[in-house]
Structures are given as C-alpha cells and as structure tokens.
Amino acid sequence: ASLRAGLVQQGFAGYDGGRQGYETAIRELLSLSERAAIEGAELVVWPETAVVPSFNRHRALREDPALWALLAEVEAFPGRTGAALLFGTGWT
C-alpha cells in the first residue's frame, strides 16, 4: 500500500518573532497544508517545533483565547481536509 505525504515548512522560525511570529508561522503552515491536502496528501508533516509547548498543554491551559482559536484550526484540519497531520511535539 502507498501513502501520499506532504512535507511542509514555513521557511522561517516562528519562535524568533515572539507571539506574532508564532501565529504567522502557524497560519503559513496551515495554508501550505491546505494546498498539500488539495493536491492529494493523505498525511501532512510539519516541523517538530511547529507547536510548542505540546498541543494538549495549549488545550488544557487555554491561557490565550486568540492563540487557542488559531490552534483549534490546527486541531480541525484533519476533519476538514481528510489528511492526517503530524508534528514533533505531538498531542501530549
């Protein structure tokens, strides 16, 4: 069996730009991932530090409602596109 994968990277370090850089990086990754899914990717792979701290930590704490809204878009990506999403920090 085969699997079509899309490897995406935003081309800049989101953590270098503070909160704004982080949000910009996530938005760029989502945009690139949408394109990969449209082109047939069944799995989309992000850089290992795309979401830090862990996704579940963001979900549990929800310290910043605007940031959590953006990360909720990440969480919804697989259901919306049918493509699985993988990044290094995982969901835990």
PDB file of N, CA and C in Angstrom:
ATOM      1  N   ALA A   1       0.838  -1.185   0.000  1.00  0.00           N
ATOM      2  CA  ALA A   1       0.000   0.000   0.000  1.00  0.00           C
ATOM      3  C   ALA A   1       0.881   1.246   0.000  1.00  0.00           C
ATOM      4  N   SER A   2       0.364   2.292  -0.532  1.00  0.00           N
ATOM      5  CA  SER A   2       1.127   3.540  -0.577  1.00  0.00           C
ATOM      6  C   SER A   2       0.372   4.637   0.163  1.00  0.00           C
ATOM      7  N   LEU A   3       1.104   5.677   0.489  1.00  0.00           N
ATOM      8  CA  LEU A   3       0.554   6.818   1.212  1.00  0.00           C
ATOM      9  C   LEU A   3       1.134   8.077   0.597  1.00  0.00           C
ATOM     10  N   ARG A   4       0.285   9.018   0.240  1.00  0.00           N
ATOM     11  CA  ARG A   4       0.756  10.301  -0.289  1.00  0.00           C
ATOM     12  C   ARG A   4       0.978  11.248   0.876  1.00  0.00           C
ATOM     13  N   ALA A   5       2.207  11.720   1.005  1.00  0.00           N
ATOM     14  CA  ALA A   5       2.556  12.618   2.117  1.00  0.00           C
ATOM     15  C   ALA A   5       2.968  13.977   1.579  1.00  0.00           C
ATOM     16  N   GLY A   6       2.626  15.001   2.338  1.00  0.00           N
ATOM     17  CA  GLY A   6       3.058  16.359   2.046  1.00  0.00           C
ATOM     18  C   GLY A   6       3.934  16.845   3.187  1.00  0.00           C
ATOM     19  N   LEU A   7       5.137  17.256   2.887  1.00  0.00           N
ATOM     20  CA  LEU A   7       6.057  17.791   3.898  1.00  0.00           C
ATOM     21  C   LEU A   7       6.072  19.296   3.739  1.00  0.00           C
ATOM     22  N   VAL A   8       5.685  20.010   4.784  1.00  0.00           N
ATOM     23  CA  VAL A   8       5.611  21.462   4.679  1.00  0.00           C
ATOM     24  C   VAL A   8       6.471  22.126   5.748  1.00  0.00           C
ATOM     25  N   GLN A   9       7.032  23.250   5.367  1.00  0.00           N
ATOM     26  CA  GLN A   9       7.818  24.057   6.292  1.00  0.00           C
ATOM     27  C   GLN A   9       7.634  25.507   5.893  1.00  0.00           C
ATOM     28  N   GLN A  10       7.503  26.362   6.879  1.00  0.00           N
ATOM     29  CA  GLN A  10       7.158  27.758   6.621  1.00  0.00           C
ATOM     30  C   GLN A  10       8.320  28.612   6.122  1.00  0.00           C
ATOM     31  N   GLY A  11       9.539  28.153   6.204  1.00  0.00           N
ATOM     32  CA  GLY A  11      10.667  28.895   5.667  1.00  0.00           C
ATOM     33  C   GLY A  11      11.232  29.954   6.600  1.00  0.00           C
ATOM     34  N   PHE A  12      10.731  30.027   7.815  1.00  0.00           N
ATOM     35  CA  PHE A  12      11.269  30.945   8.819  1.00  0.00           C
ATOM     36  C   PHE A  12      10.923  30.376  10.190  1.00  0.00           C
ATOM     37  N   ALA A  13      11.697  30.723  11.171  1.00  0.00           N
ATOM     38  CA  ALA A  13      11.488  30.204  12.524  1.00  0.00           C
ATOM     39  C   ALA A  13      10.443  31.049  13.233  1.00  0.00           C
ATOM     40  N   GLY A  14       9.291  30.475  13.483  1.00  0.00           N
ATOM     41  CA  GLY A  14       8.207  31.201  14.137  1.00  0.00           C
ATOM     42  C   GLY A  14       8.550  31.655  15.534  1.00  0.00           C
ATOM     43  N   TYR A  15       9.365  30.895  16.228  1.00  0.00           N
ATOM     44  CA  TYR A  15       9.711  31.244  17.609  1.00  0.00           C
ATOM     45  C   TYR A  15      10.638  32.446  17.688  1.00  0.00           C
ATOM     46  N   ASP A  16      11.238  32.850  16.563  1.00  0.00           N
ATOM     47  CA  ASP A  16      12.113  34.026  16.569  1.00  0.00           C
ATOM     48  C   ASP A  16      11.336  35.333  16.623  1.00  0.00           C
ATOM     49  N   GLY A  17      10.071  35.301  16.243  1.00  0.00           N
ATOM     50  CA  GLY A  17       9.291  36.531  16.156  1.00  0.00           C
ATOM     51  C   GLY A  17       8.314  36.733  17.288  1.00  0.00           C
ATOM     52  N   GLY A  18       8.520  36.063  18.410  1.00  0.00           N
ATOM     53  CA  GLY A  18       7.594  36.202  19.525  1.00  0.00           C
ATOM     54  C   GLY A  18       6.221  35.671  19.170  1.00  0.00           C
ATOM     55  N   ARG A  19       5.234  36.164  19.857  1.00  0.00           N
ATOM     56  CA  ARG A  19       3.857  35.692  19.640  1.00  0.00           C
ATOM     57  C   ARG A  19       3.405  35.904  18.204  1.00  0.00           C
ATOM     58  N   GLN A  20       3.678  37.077  17.649  1.00  0.00           N
ATOM     59  CA  GLN A  20       3.265  37.377  16.270  1.00  0.00           C
ATOM     60  C   GLN A  20       3.942  36.434  15.280  1.00  0.00           C
ATOM     61  N   GLY A  21       5.220  36.178  15.479  1.00  0.00           N
ATOM     62  CA  GLY A  21       5.941  35.255  14.603  1.00  0.00           C
ATOM     63  C   GLY A  21       5.381  33.849  14.681  1.00  0.00           C
ATOM     64  N   TYR A  22       5.035  33.433  15.891  1.00  0.00           N
ATOM     65  CA  TYR A  22       4.456  32.105  16.108  1.00  0.00           C
ATOM     66  C   TYR A  22       3.126  31.974  15.373  1.00  0.00           C
ATOM     67  N   GLU A  23       2.260  32.961  15.519  1.00  0.00           N
ATOM     68  CA  GLU A  23       0.964  32.925  14.838  1.00  0.00           C
ATOM     69  C   GLU A  23       1.136  32.952  13.323  1.00  0.00           C
ATOM     70  N   THR A  24       2.053  33.771  12.838  1.00  0.00           N
ATOM     71  CA  THR A  24       2.311  33.839  11.402  1.00  0.00           C
ATOM     72  C   THR A  24       2.796  32.489  10.886  1.00  0.00           C
ATOM     73  N   ALA A  25       3.678  31.845  11.640  1.00  0.00           N
ATOM     74  CA  ALA A  25       4.194  30.532  11.243  1.00  0.00           C
ATOM     75  C   ALA A  25       3.071  29.502  11.182  1.00  0.00           C
ATOM     76  N   ILE A  26       2.199  29.476  12.182  1.00  0.00           N
ATOM     77  CA  ILE A  26       1.092  28.519  12.197  1.00  0.00           C
ATOM     78  C   ILE A  26       0.156  28.771  11.016  1.00  0.00           C
ATOM     79  N   ARG A  27      -0.149  30.031  10.750  1.00  0.00           N
ATOM     80  CA  ARG A  27      -1.029  30.352   9.615  1.00  0.00           C
ATOM     81  C   ARG A  27      -0.400  29.915   8.291  1.00  0.00           C
ATOM     82  N   GLU A  28       0.901  30.120   8.148  1.00  0.00           N
ATOM     83  CA  GLU A  28       1.595  29.704   6.918  1.00  0.00           C
ATOM     84  C   GLU A  28       1.582  28.181   6.791  1.00  0.00           C
ATOM     85  N   LEU A  29       1.833  27.484   7.893  1.00  0.00           N
ATOM     86  CA  LEU A  29       1.793  26.021   7.862  1.00  0.00           C
ATOM     87  C   LEU A  29       0.398  25.521   7.495  1.00  0.00           C
ATOM     88  N   LEU A  30      -0.629  26.135   8.037  1.00  0.00           N
ATOM     89  CA  LEU A  30      -1.995  25.742   7.684  1.00  0.00           C
ATOM     90  C   LEU A  30      -2.273  25.966   6.200  1.00  0.00           C
ATOM     91  N   SER A  31      -1.834  27.094   5.688  1.00  0.00           N
ATOM     92  CA  SER A  31      -2.043  27.399   4.272  1.00  0.00           C
ATOM     93  C   SER A  31      -1.326  26.378   3.377  1.00  0.00           C
ATOM     94  N   LEU A  32      -0.078  26.099   3.684  1.00  0.00           N
ATOM     95  CA  LEU A  32       0.677  25.114   2.911  1.00  0.00           C
ATOM     96  C   LEU A  32       0.060  23.723   3.035  1.00  0.00           C
ATOM     97  N   SER A  33      -0.454  23.414   4.208  1.00  0.00           N
ATOM     98  CA  SER A  33      -1.061  22.112   4.442  1.00  0.00           C
ATOM     99  C   SER A  33      -2.359  21.956   3.661  1.00  0.00           C
ATOM    100  N   GLU A  34      -3.146  23.024   3.613  1.00  0.00           N
ATOM    101  CA  GLU A  34      -4.377  23.003   2.820  1.00  0.00           C
ATOM    102  C   GLU A  34      -4.045  22.693   1.367  1.00  0.00           C
ATOM    103  N   ARG A  35      -3.013  23.343   0.851  1.00  0.00           N
ATOM    104  CA  ARG A  35      -2.605  23.121  -0.536  1.00  0.00           C
ATOM    105  C   ARG A  35      -2.160  21.678  -0.745  1.00  0.00           C
ATOM    106  N   ALA A  36      -1.388  21.147   0.215  1.00  0.00           N
ATOM    107  CA  ALA A  36      -0.934  19.752   0.115  1.00  0.00           C
ATOM    108  C   ALA A  36      -2.125  18.806   0.101  1.00  0.00           C
ATOM    109  N   ALA A  37      -3.107  19.057   0.960  1.00  0.00           N
ATOM    110  CA  ALA A  37      -4.293  18.200   1.012  1.00  0.00           C
ATOM    111  C   ALA A  37      -5.084  18.271  -0.295  1.00  0.00           C
ATOM    112  N   ILE A  38      -5.216  19.461  -0.838  1.00  0.00           N
ATOM    113  CA  ILE A  38      -5.922  19.632  -2.116  1.00  0.00           C
ATOM    114  C   ILE A  38      -5.206  18.854  -3.215  1.00  0.00           C
ATOM    115  N   GLU A  39      -3.873  18.803  -3.129  1.00  0.00           N
ATOM    116  CA  GLU A  39      -3.081  18.094  -4.134  1.00  0.00           C
ATOM    117  C   GLU A  39      -3.005  16.589  -3.866  1.00  0.00           C
ATOM    118  N   GLY A  40      -3.730  16.113  -2.847  1.00  0.00           N
ATOM    119  CA  GLY A  40      -3.837  14.686  -2.628  1.00  0.00           C
ATOM    120  C   GLY A  40      -3.077  14.097  -1.463  1.00  0.00           C
ATOM    121  N   ALA A  41      -2.446  14.930  -0.633  1.00  0.00           N
ATOM    122  CA  ALA A  41      -1.725  14.395   0.526  1.00  0.00           C
ATOM    123  C   ALA A  41      -2.709  13.761   1.504  1.00  0.00           C
ATOM    124  N   GLU A  42      -2.367  12.562   1.957  1.00  0.00           N
ATOM    125  CA  GLU A  42      -3.161  11.886   2.977  1.00  0.00           C
ATOM    126  C   GLU A  42      -2.568  12.126   4.363  1.00  0.00           C
ATOM    127  N   LEU A  43      -1.310  12.498   4.389  1.00  0.00           N
ATOM    128  CA  LEU A  43      -0.583  12.814   5.616  1.00  0.00           C
ATOM    129  C   LEU A  43       0.210  14.085   5.358  1.00  0.00           C
ATOM    130  N   VAL A  44       0.104  15.037   6.256  1.00  0.00           N
ATOM    131  CA  VAL A  44       0.884  16.275   6.160  1.00  0.00           C
ATOM    132  C   VAL A  44       1.801  16.325   7.375  1.00  0.00           C
ATOM    133  N   VAL A  45       3.088  16.550   7.125  1.00  0.00           N
ATOM    134  CA  VAL A  45       4.097  16.553   8.178  1.00  0.00           C
ATOM    135  C   VAL A  45       4.636  17.968   8.351  1.00  0.00           C
ATOM    136  N   TRP A  46       4.593  18.442   9.604  1.00  0.00           N
ATOM    137  CA  TRP A  46       5.116  19.762   9.971  1.00  0.00           C
ATOM    138  C   TRP A  46       6.448  19.606  10.689  1.00  0.00           C
ATOM    139  N   PRO A  47       7.217  20.698  10.816  1.00  0.00           N
ATOM    140  CA  PRO A  47       8.457  20.652  11.603  1.00  0.00           C
ATOM    141  C   PRO A  47       8.167  20.252  13.051  1.00  0.00           C
ATOM    142  N   GLU A  48       9.153  19.645  13.686  1.00  0.00           N
ATOM    143  CA  GLU A  48       8.928  19.134  15.042  1.00  0.00           C
ATOM    144  C   GLU A  48       8.587  20.224  16.054  1.00  0.00           C
ATOM    145  N   THR A  49       9.023  21.434  15.835  1.00  0.00           N
ATOM    146  CA  THR A  49       8.740  22.513  16.793  1.00  0.00           C
ATOM    147  C   THR A  49       7.629  23.448  16.311  1.00  0.00           C
ATOM    148  N   ALA A  50       6.786  22.965  15.436  1.00  0.00           N
ATOM    149  CA  ALA A  50       5.720  23.816  14.900  1.00  0.00           C
ATOM    150  C   ALA A  50       4.757  24.274  15.992  1.00  0.00           C
ATOM    151  N   VAL A  51       4.436  23.396  16.924  1.00  0.00           N
ATOM    152  CA  VAL A  51       3.519  23.733  18.018  1.00  0.00           C
ATOM    153  C   VAL A  51       4.230  23.453  19.329  1.00  0.00           C
ATOM    154  N   VAL A  52       4.579  24.521  20.029  1.00  0.00           N
ATOM    155  CA  VAL A  52       5.230  24.384  21.333  1.00  0.00           C
ATOM    156  C   VAL A  52       4.545  25.333  22.318  1.00  0.00           C
ATOM    157  N   PRO A  53       4.354  24.989  23.552  1.00  0.00           N
ATOM    158  CA  PRO A  53       4.563  23.649  24.086  1.00  0.00           C
ATOM    159  C   PRO A  53       3.594  22.672  23.442  1.00  0.00           C
ATOM    160  N   SER A  54       3.415  21.510  24.029  1.00  0.00           N
ATOM    161  CA  SER A  54       2.590  20.477  23.413  1.00  0.00           C
ATOM    162  C   SER A  54       1.162  20.969  23.177  1.00  0.00           C
ATOM    163  N   PHE A  55       0.531  20.337  22.219  1.00  0.00           N
ATOM    164  CA  PHE A  55      -0.827  20.718  21.859  1.00  0.00           C
ATOM    165  C   PHE A  55      -1.782  20.555  23.041  1.00  0.00           C
ATOM    166  N   ASN A  56      -1.677  19.444  23.756  1.00  0.00           N
ATOM    167  CA  ASN A  56      -2.576  19.230  24.898  1.00  0.00           C
ATOM    168  C   ASN A  56      -2.353  20.254  25.995  1.00  0.00           C
ATOM    169  N   ARG A  57      -1.138  20.719  26.148  1.00  0.00           N
ATOM    170  CA  ARG A  57      -0.881  21.773  27.145  1.00  0.00           C
ATOM    171  C   ARG A  57      -1.633  23.045  26.756  1.00  0.00           C
ATOM    172  N   HIS A  58      -1.542  23.400  25.473  1.00  0.00           N
ATOM    173  CA  HIS A  58      -2.314  24.560  24.992  1.00  0.00           C
ATOM    174  C   HIS A  58      -3.801  24.354  25.255  1.00  0.00           C
ATOM    175  N   ARG A  59      -4.301  23.155  24.938  1.00  0.00           N
ATOM    176  CA  ARG A  59      -5.721  22.869  25.103  1.00  0.00           C
ATOM    177  C   ARG A  59      -6.127  22.957  26.574  1.00  0.00           C
ATOM    178  N   ALA A  60      -5.323  22.384  27.462  1.00  0.00           N
ATOM    179  CA  ALA A  60      -5.657  22.355  28.885  1.00  0.00           C
ATOM    180  C   ALA A  60      -5.620  23.741  29.516  1.00  0.00           C
ATOM    181  N   LEU A  61      -4.601  24.529  29.164  1.00  0.00           N
ATOM    182  CA  LEU A  61      -4.425  25.826  29.812  1.00  0.00           C
ATOM    183  C   LEU A  61      -5.244  26.934  29.164  1.00  0.00           C
ATOM    184  N   ARG A  62      -5.302  26.947  27.862  1.00  0.00           N
ATOM    185  CA  ARG A  62      -6.019  27.991  27.113  1.00  0.00           C
ATOM    186  C   ARG A  62      -5.743  29.370  27.696  1.00  0.00           C
ATOM    187  N   GLU A  63      -4.468  29.623  27.921  1.00  0.00           N
ATOM    188  CA  GLU A  63      -4.062  30.896  28.532  1.00  0.00           C
ATOM    189  C   GLU A  63      -4.384  32.103  27.665  1.00  0.00           C
ATOM    190  N   ASP A  64      -4.406  31.878  26.370  1.00  0.00           N
ATOM    191  CA  ASP A  64      -4.626  32.968  25.432  1.00  0.00           C
ATOM    192  C   ASP A  64      -5.740  32.562  24.462  1.00  0.00           C
ATOM    193  N   PRO A  65      -6.927  33.121  24.619  1.00  0.00           N
ATOM    194  CA  PRO A  65      -8.054  32.708  23.768  1.00  0.00           C
ATOM    195  C   PRO A  65      -7.799  32.883  22.265  1.00  0.00           C
ATOM    196  N   ALA A  66      -7.113  33.944  21.870  1.00  0.00           N
ATOM    197  CA  ALA A  66      -6.846  34.160  20.444  1.00  0.00           C
ATOM    198  C   ALA A  66      -5.900  33.091  19.903  1.00  0.00           C
ATOM    199  N   LEU A  67      -4.886  32.755  20.673  1.00  0.00           N
ATOM    200  CA  LEU A  67      -3.957  31.711  20.244  1.00  0.00           C
ATOM    201  C   LEU A  67      -4.666  30.360  20.207  1.00  0.00           C
ATOM    202  N   TRP A  68      -5.494  30.087  21.221  1.00  0.00           N
ATOM    203  CA  TRP A  68      -6.213  28.820  21.208  1.00  0.00           C
ATOM    204  C   TRP A  68      -7.141  28.728  20.003  1.00  0.00           C
ATOM    205  N   ALA A  69      -7.774  29.816  19.593  1.00  0.00           N
ATOM    206  CA  ALA A  69      -8.648  29.807  18.410  1.00  0.00           C
ATOM    207  C   ALA A  69      -7.854  29.392  17.173  1.00  0.00           C
ATOM    208  N   LEU A  70      -6.633  29.896  17.056  1.00  0.00           N
ATOM    209  CA  LEU A  70      -5.783  29.512  15.929  1.00  0.00           C
ATOM    210  C   LEU A  70      -5.419  28.040  16.006  1.00  0.00           C
ATOM    211  N   LEU A  71      -5.061  27.568  17.196  1.00  0.00           N
ATOM    212  CA  LEU A  71      -4.700  26.161  17.350  1.00  0.00           C
ATOM    213  C   LEU A  71      -5.910  25.244  17.176  1.00  0.00           C
ATOM    214  N   ALA A  72      -7.098  25.743  17.445  1.00  0.00           N
ATOM    215  CA  ALA A  72      -8.302  24.963  17.172  1.00  0.00           C
ATOM    216  C   ALA A  72      -8.441  24.710  15.671  1.00  0.00           C
ATOM    217  N   GLU A  73      -7.973  25.653  14.845  1.00  0.00           N
ATOM    218  CA  GLU A  73      -7.949  25.434  13.398  1.00  0.00           C
ATOM    219  C   GLU A  73      -7.010  24.281  13.050  1.00  0.00           C
ATOM    220  N   VAL A  74      -5.879  24.203  13.759  1.00  0.00           N
ATOM    221  CA  VAL A  74      -4.939  23.095  13.556  1.00  0.00           C
ATOM    222  C   VAL A  74      -5.631  21.786  13.926  1.00  0.00           C
ATOM    223  N   GLU A  75      -6.305  21.782  15.058  1.00  0.00           N
ATOM    224  CA  GLU A  75      -6.986  20.575  15.525  1.00  0.00           C
ATOM    225  C   GLU A  75      -8.076  20.134  14.544  1.00  0.00           C
ATOM    226  N   ALA A  76      -8.733  21.073  13.898  1.00  0.00           N
ATOM    227  CA  ALA A  76      -9.820  20.772  12.971  1.00  0.00           C
ATOM    228  C   ALA A  76      -9.323  20.358  11.585  1.00  0.00           C
ATOM    229  N   PHE A  77      -8.061  20.595  11.300  1.00  0.00           N
ATOM    230  CA  PHE A  77      -7.519  20.342   9.955  1.00  0.00           C
ATOM    231  C   PHE A  77      -7.808  18.937   9.436  1.00  0.00           C
ATOM    232  N   PRO A  78      -7.510  17.870  10.189  1.00  0.00           N
ATOM    233  CA  PRO A  78      -7.758  16.526   9.649  1.00  0.00           C
ATOM    234  C   PRO A  78      -9.226  16.277   9.295  1.00  0.00           C
ATOM    235  N   GLY A  79     -10.132  16.696  10.140  1.00  0.00           N
ATOM    236  CA  GLY A  79     -11.548  16.510   9.851  1.00  0.00           C
ATOM    237  C   GLY A  79     -12.022  17.320   8.665  1.00  0.00           C
ATOM    238  N   ARG A  80     -11.448  18.493   8.500  1.00  0.00           N
ATOM    239  CA  ARG A  80     -11.843  19.388   7.413  1.00  0.00           C
ATOM    240  C   ARG A  80     -11.298  18.927   6.068  1.00  0.00           C
ATOM    241  N   THR A  81     -10.085  18.350   6.068  1.00  0.00           N
ATOM    242  CA  THR A  81      -9.425  18.026   4.810  1.00  0.00           C
ATOM    243  C   THR A  81      -9.338  16.536   4.512  1.00  0.00           C
ATOM    244  N   GLY A  82      -9.458  15.706   5.533  1.00  0.00           N
ATOM    245  CA  GLY A  82      -9.275  14.269   5.346  1.00  0.00           C
ATOM    246  C   GLY A  82      -7.822  13.835   5.386  1.00  0.00           C
ATOM    247  N   ALA A  83      -6.912  14.767   5.607  1.00  0.00           N
ATOM    248  CA  ALA A  83      -5.481  14.456   5.684  1.00  0.00           C
ATOM    249  C   ALA A  83      -5.045  14.462   7.147  1.00  0.00           C
ATOM    250  N   ALA A  84      -4.300  13.446   7.538  1.00  0.00           N
ATOM    251  CA  ALA A  84      -3.749  13.404   8.895  1.00  0.00           C
ATOM    252  C   ALA A  84      -2.638  14.443   9.018  1.00  0.00           C
ATOM    253  N   LEU A  85      -2.404  14.903  10.241  1.00  0.00           N
ATOM    254  CA  LEU A  85      -1.389  15.927  10.495  1.00  0.00           C
ATOM    255  C   LEU A  85      -0.417  15.398  11.547  1.00  0.00           C
ATOM    256  N   LEU A  86       0.873  15.548  11.271  1.00  0.00           N
ATOM    257  CA  LEU A  86       1.913  15.066  12.192  1.00  0.00           C
ATOM    258  C   LEU A  86       2.919  16.179  12.428  1.00  0.00           C
ATOM    259  N   PHE A  87       3.224  16.424  13.721  1.00  0.00           N
ATOM    260  CA  PHE A  87       4.306  17.343  14.066  1.00  0.00           C
ATOM    261  C   PHE A  87       4.976  16.813  15.306  1.00  0.00           C
ATOM    262  N   GLY A  88       6.218  17.242  15.536  1.00  0.00           N
ATOM    263  CA  GLY A  88       7.093  16.623  16.521  1.00  0.00           C
ATOM    264  C   GLY A  88       6.670  16.661  17.966  1.00  0.00           C
ATOM    265  N   THR A  89       6.030  17.721  18.418  1.00  0.00           N
ATOM    266  CA  THR A  89       5.683  17.772  19.830  1.00  0.00           C
ATOM    267  C   THR A  89       4.457  16.926  20.142  1.00  0.00           C
ATOM    268  N   GLY A  90       3.774  16.485  19.151  1.00  0.00           N
ATOM    269  CA  GLY A  90       2.634  15.611  19.345  1.00  0.00           C
ATOM    270  C   GLY A  90       1.471  16.292  20.032  1.00  0.00           C
ATOM    271  N   TRP A  91       0.558  15.490  20.498  1.00  0.00           N
ATOM    272  CA  TRP A  91      -0.662  15.994  21.115  1.00  0.00           C
ATOM    273  C   TRP A  91      -0.557  15.980  22.626  1.00  0.00           C
ATOM    274  N   THR A  92       0.486  15.360  23.177  1.00  0.00           N
ATOM    275  CA  THR A  92       0.574  15.244  24.637  1.00  0.00           C
ATOM    276  C   THR A  92       1.488  16.281  25.230  1.00  0.00           C
TER     277      THR A  92
END
